[in-house]
Amino acid sequence: MSEHIKREEENGVLHLRLNRPEKKNAMTEDMYRGLADGLKEADGRDDICAVLLSGEGDSFTSGNDLSAFASVLTMDQGTRPPVLDLIEAGLKSETPLIAAVEGWCVGIGATMMLHTDFIYAGRSARFHMPFTELGAVPEAGASHLLTRRFGRQRAAEMMIASKVLPAEKAERWGFITEVVEDGDALAAGKEMAAHIASLPPQSVRDTKKLMTEDLGSILPHTEHELKVFAGRLRSEEMQAVIAKKMARKSG
């Protein structure tokens, strides 16, 4: 397990915390591996009834760390980037996934929300898929899942226009389960996780399978998304955007 993924287990609930608060929990390759391993472990154990995801500090995640972009560039050489392992683990997960979100949930964090079953968000939480702002394209199946679930216009607002989705609007859309007061998302997530763990476990898993069995069929689409993403990474357009952002940070 990655040093930046804190793992806790109690009463049938596996709690995975993104633990890189000094970087707003920006995702690295090692973190992708750690989360993927945790989700796969949960599916392989009868005594894990729910997985709870949260972030340390004031944000769930600020998205992909720029250093993690490099692995995507090797896809056309037959190398499998760690982010694809996480995407596959999320889409194929048989264990209920519960997310507790405070602050910002950006990029891969926001797209991975589409793989979860319950999302509790603090009132100030914000979901952002800034792919076009970066000169990139969506990933994690978002270009398919977001459009299918919320309609083309709402999907376009988030993915083409790169508009921020505040928690209360996300609740109205049905993007999240419930808005709670700031600081209470984790408690709400824990309460639901404990409730799920109290139910007949095989009944829960069978029900989730029936609800999500079609998600595995979009895996080829997620690979296509990442290949297009890699092409964008090589483009002068995206490189110029990233260089500008890096210069702003260093300045």
Protein backbone atom coordinates (compact mmCIF):
# COMPACT_ATOMS: atom_id res chain seq x y z
CA MET A 1 0.00 0.00 0.00
CA SER A 2 1.25 3.49 -0.87
CA GLU A 3 2.57 5.68 1.96
CA HIS A 4 0.07 8.27 0.72
CA ILE A 5 -2.90 5.93 1.16
CA LYS A 6 -3.87 5.40 4.79
CA ARG A 7 -5.62 2.10 5.34
CA GLU A 8 -7.94 1.40 8.27
CA GLU A 9 -10.22 -1.58 8.79
CA GLU A 10 -13.02 -1.86 11.32
CA ASN A 11 -16.22 -3.90 11.60
CA GLY A 12 -16.33 -4.96 7.97
CA VAL A 13 -15.44 -1.54 6.55
CA LEU A 14 -12.18 -0.81 4.71
CA HIS A 15 -11.36 2.90 4.93
CA LEU A 16 -8.90 4.24 2.35
CA ARG A 17 -7.74 7.82 2.94
CA LEU A 18 -5.83 9.90 0.42
CA ASN A 19 -2.97 11.12 2.59
CA ARG A 20 -1.02 13.82 0.81
CA PRO A 21 -2.62 16.93 2.28
CA GLU A 22 0.38 19.17 1.62
CA LYS A 23 -0.34 18.67 -2.10
CA LYS A 24 -4.13 18.71 -1.73
CA ASN A 25 -3.96 14.91 -2.17
CA ALA A 26 -2.78 15.22 -5.78
CA MET A 27 -2.73 11.70 -7.20
CA THR A 28 0.54 9.91 -8.02
CA GLU A 29 1.14 6.57 -9.74
CA ASP A 30 1.83 4.98 -6.36
CA MET A 31 -1.50 6.25 -5.03
CA TYR A 32 -3.34 4.83 -8.03
CA ARG A 33 -1.76 1.45 -7.32
CA GLY A 34 -2.61 1.67 -3.62
CA LEU A 35 -6.27 2.46 -4.24
CA ALA A 36 -6.58 -0.22 -6.93
CA ASP A 37 -5.03 -2.79 -4.58
CA GLY A 38 -7.44 -1.80 -1.82
CA LEU A 39 -10.52 -2.15 -4.02
CA LYS A 40 -9.36 -5.53 -5.33
CA GLU A 41 -8.59 -6.72 -1.80
CA ALA A 42 -12.09 -5.79 -0.67
CA ASP A 43 -13.65 -7.74 -3.52
CA GLY A 44 -11.58 -10.79 -2.62
CA ARG A 45 -12.56 -10.86 1.05
CA ASP A 46 -15.92 -11.96 2.42
CA ASP A 47 -15.37 -10.00 5.63
CA ILE A 48 -15.13 -6.61 3.90
CA CYS A 49 -18.66 -5.32 3.30
CA ALA A 50 -18.00 -1.71 2.27
CA VAL A 51 -15.14 0.58 1.21
CA LEU A 52 -15.03 4.18 2.44
CA LEU A 53 -12.95 6.74 0.53
CA SER A 54 -11.90 10.10 1.95
CA GLY A 55 -9.12 12.68 1.77
CA GLU A 56 -6.92 14.10 4.52
CA GLY A 57 -6.82 17.86 4.95
CA ASP A 58 -9.14 20.41 3.37
CA SER A 59 -9.66 18.71 -0.02
CA PHE A 60 -10.59 15.28 -1.29
CA THR A 61 -8.07 15.60 -4.15
CA SER A 62 -6.74 18.26 -6.48
CA GLY A 63 -6.57 15.68 -9.27
CA ASN A 64 -3.66 14.12 -11.10
CA ASP A 65 -0.16 15.16 -10.05
CA LEU A 66 1.68 16.43 -13.11
CA SER A 67 4.38 13.81 -12.50
CA ALA A 68 1.81 11.04 -13.07
CA PHE A 69 1.07 12.18 -16.62
CA ALA A 70 4.24 10.53 -17.90
CA SER A 71 2.94 6.96 -17.60
CA VAL A 72 -0.01 7.74 -19.86
CA LEU A 73 2.41 8.64 -22.65
CA THR A 74 3.73 5.07 -22.73
CA MET A 75 0.35 3.48 -23.55
CA ASP A 76 1.09 3.22 -27.26
CA GLN A 77 4.24 1.25 -26.35
CA GLY A 78 2.16 -1.46 -24.68
CA THR A 79 2.69 -0.22 -21.12
CA ARG A 80 -0.34 -0.17 -18.83
CA PRO A 81 -0.51 3.03 -16.73
CA PRO A 82 -1.43 2.57 -13.04
CA VAL A 83 -4.43 4.87 -13.41
CA LEU A 84 -6.01 2.28 -15.71
CA ASP A 85 -5.74 -0.32 -12.94
CA LEU A 86 -7.69 1.99 -10.63
CA ILE A 87 -10.30 2.73 -13.28
CA GLU A 88 -10.81 -0.99 -13.94
CA ALA A 89 -10.96 -1.79 -10.21
CA GLY A 90 -13.57 0.92 -9.69
CA LEU A 91 -15.75 -0.12 -12.60
CA LYS A 92 -15.59 -3.81 -11.67
CA SER A 93 -15.91 -3.33 -7.91
CA GLU A 94 -18.37 -5.72 -6.27
CA THR A 95 -18.11 -4.02 -2.87
CA PRO A 96 -20.21 -0.91 -2.16
CA LEU A 97 -18.04 2.21 -2.49
CA ILE A 98 -18.79 5.24 -0.33
CA ALA A 99 -17.06 8.60 -0.81
CA ALA A 100 -16.81 11.36 1.80
CA VAL A 101 -15.87 14.63 0.12
CA GLU A 102 -14.77 17.90 1.70
CA GLY A 103 -13.37 20.82 -0.27
CA TRP A 104 -12.18 20.28 -3.83
CA CYS A 105 -12.68 17.07 -5.78
CA VAL A 106 -10.91 17.65 -9.09
CA GLY A 107 -10.07 15.70 -12.26
CA ILE A 108 -9.64 11.98 -11.64
CA GLY A 109 -11.23 12.50 -8.22
CA ALA A 110 -14.42 13.85 -9.78
CA THR A 111 -14.54 11.24 -12.55
CA MET A 112 -13.98 8.41 -10.06
CA MET A 113 -17.10 9.59 -8.21
CA LEU A 114 -19.02 8.05 -11.12
CA HIS A 115 -17.76 4.63 -9.96
CA THR A 116 -19.03 5.01 -6.38
CA ASP A 117 -22.40 4.05 -4.91
CA PHE A 118 -22.81 6.75 -2.25
CA ILE A 119 -21.29 10.25 -2.06
CA TYR A 120 -21.57 12.55 0.96
CA ALA A 121 -20.23 16.06 0.47
CA GLY A 122 -19.67 19.02 2.75
CA ARG A 123 -21.68 22.10 1.80
CA SER A 124 -18.56 23.87 0.49
CA ALA A 125 -17.40 20.89 -1.59
CA ARG A 126 -16.75 21.47 -5.28
CA PHE A 127 -16.50 18.95 -8.13
CA HIS A 128 -14.42 20.00 -11.12
CA MET A 129 -13.42 18.27 -14.35
CA PRO A 130 -11.06 20.90 -15.81
CA PHE A 131 -9.93 18.83 -18.77
CA THR A 132 -10.53 21.41 -21.51
CA GLU A 133 -8.94 24.09 -19.30
CA LEU A 134 -5.80 21.93 -19.38
CA GLY A 135 -6.07 21.16 -23.08
CA ALA A 136 -6.88 17.54 -22.17
CA VAL A 137 -9.91 15.22 -22.45
CA PRO A 138 -11.92 13.31 -19.80
CA GLU A 139 -10.91 9.92 -18.42
CA ALA A 140 -12.22 7.10 -16.18
CA GLY A 141 -15.18 6.61 -18.52
CA ALA A 142 -16.59 10.05 -17.67
CA SER A 143 -17.27 10.98 -21.30
CA HIS A 144 -19.67 8.02 -21.42
CA LEU A 145 -20.98 7.75 -17.85
CA LEU A 146 -21.65 11.42 -17.16
CA THR A 147 -23.52 11.85 -20.44
CA ARG A 148 -25.59 8.71 -19.93
CA ARG A 149 -26.57 9.50 -16.35
CA PHE A 150 -27.17 13.24 -16.42
CA GLY A 151 -27.83 14.09 -20.06
CA ARG A 152 -25.72 15.70 -22.73
CA GLN A 153 -26.28 19.30 -21.63
CA ARG A 154 -25.24 18.77 -18.02
CA ALA A 155 -22.31 16.62 -19.10
CA ALA A 156 -21.23 19.35 -21.52
CA GLU A 157 -21.38 21.92 -18.72
CA MET A 158 -18.89 19.89 -16.69
CA MET A 159 -16.65 18.42 -19.40
CA ILE A 160 -16.70 20.81 -22.38
CA ALA A 161 -17.15 24.07 -20.46
CA SER A 162 -15.12 22.79 -17.45
CA LYS A 163 -17.62 24.42 -15.08
CA VAL A 164 -17.33 23.78 -11.35
CA LEU A 165 -20.22 21.79 -9.82
CA PRO A 166 -20.98 23.01 -6.26
CA ALA A 167 -22.22 20.43 -3.76
CA GLU A 168 -25.81 21.70 -3.55
CA LYS A 169 -26.17 21.71 -7.33
CA ALA A 170 -24.58 18.25 -7.45
CA GLU A 171 -27.25 17.03 -5.02
CA ARG A 172 -30.03 18.49 -7.20
CA TRP A 173 -28.58 16.71 -10.23
CA GLY A 174 -28.33 13.41 -8.39
CA PHE A 175 -24.54 13.45 -8.83
CA ILE A 176 -24.12 12.96 -5.06
CA THR A 177 -26.20 11.27 -2.36
CA GLU A 178 -26.44 14.08 0.16
CA VAL A 179 -25.02 17.46 1.15
CA VAL A 180 -24.05 17.71 4.81
CA GLU A 181 -22.53 20.49 6.86
CA ASP A 182 -18.84 21.16 6.27
CA GLY A 183 -16.75 18.73 8.29
CA ASP A 184 -19.55 16.15 8.55
CA ALA A 185 -19.02 14.24 5.29
CA LEU A 186 -16.79 11.59 6.85
CA ALA A 187 -19.23 10.96 9.69
CA ALA A 188 -22.06 10.56 7.19
CA GLY A 189 -19.95 8.20 5.10
CA LYS A 190 -19.04 6.13 8.15
CA GLU A 191 -22.68 5.90 9.17
CA MET A 192 -23.69 4.55 5.76
CA ALA A 193 -20.71 2.18 5.66
CA ALA A 194 -21.70 0.77 9.06
CA HIS A 195 -25.28 0.35 7.88
CA ILE A 196 -24.16 -1.50 4.73
CA ALA A 197 -21.91 -3.72 6.85
CA SER A 198 -24.92 -4.66 9.00
CA LEU A 199 -26.86 -6.06 6.03
CA PRO A 200 -26.62 -9.63 4.65
CA PRO A 201 -23.31 -9.34 2.74
CA GLN A 202 -23.98 -11.61 -0.22
CA SER A 203 -27.35 -9.99 -0.80
CA VAL A 204 -25.61 -6.61 -0.90
CA ARG A 205 -22.98 -7.80 -3.38
CA ASP A 206 -25.49 -9.53 -5.63
CA THR A 207 -27.65 -6.40 -5.68
CA LYS A 208 -24.70 -4.21 -6.62
CA LYS A 209 -23.70 -6.65 -9.38
CA LEU A 210 -27.20 -6.46 -10.86
CA MET A 211 -27.07 -2.65 -10.76
CA THR A 212 -23.59 -2.28 -12.25
CA GLU A 213 -22.92 -5.36 -14.38
CA ASP A 214 -22.87 -3.27 -17.57
CA LEU A 215 -20.03 -1.02 -16.34
CA GLY A 216 -17.33 -3.51 -17.32
CA SER A 217 -18.40 -3.14 -20.93
CA ILE A 218 -17.06 0.43 -21.08
CA LEU A 219 -13.48 -0.57 -20.25
CA PRO A 220 -12.45 -0.41 -23.94
CA HIS A 221 -13.84 3.13 -23.99
CA THR A 222 -11.74 4.09 -20.95
CA GLU A 223 -8.61 2.83 -22.73
CA HIS A 224 -9.56 4.88 -25.79
CA GLU A 225 -10.03 7.95 -23.58
CA LEU A 226 -6.51 7.52 -22.16
CA LYS A 227 -5.00 7.10 -25.62
CA VAL A 228 -6.65 10.32 -26.75
CA PHE A 229 -5.45 11.88 -23.47
CA ALA A 230 -1.90 10.77 -24.30
CA GLY A 231 -2.21 12.41 -27.70
CA ARG A 232 -3.31 15.62 -26.05
CA LEU A 233 -0.33 15.43 -23.66
CA ARG A 234 1.98 15.43 -26.67
CA SER A 235 0.23 18.38 -28.26
CA GLU A 236 1.78 21.83 -28.24
CA GLU A 237 -1.53 23.16 -26.97
CA MET A 238 -1.60 21.12 -23.76
CA GLN A 239 2.14 21.43 -23.17
CA ALA A 240 1.81 25.20 -23.34
CA VAL A 241 -1.04 25.17 -20.80
CA ILE A 242 0.91 22.96 -18.38
CA ALA A 243 4.08 25.03 -18.78
CA LYS A 244 2.10 28.16 -17.97
CA LYS A 245 0.61 26.57 -14.85
CA MET A 246 4.01 25.29 -13.70
CA ALA A 247 5.55 28.73 -14.18
CA ARG A 248 2.74 30.28 -12.16
CA LYS A 249 3.33 27.80 -9.31
CA SER A 250 7.10 28.31 -9.26
CA GLY A 251 6.69 32.05 -9.47
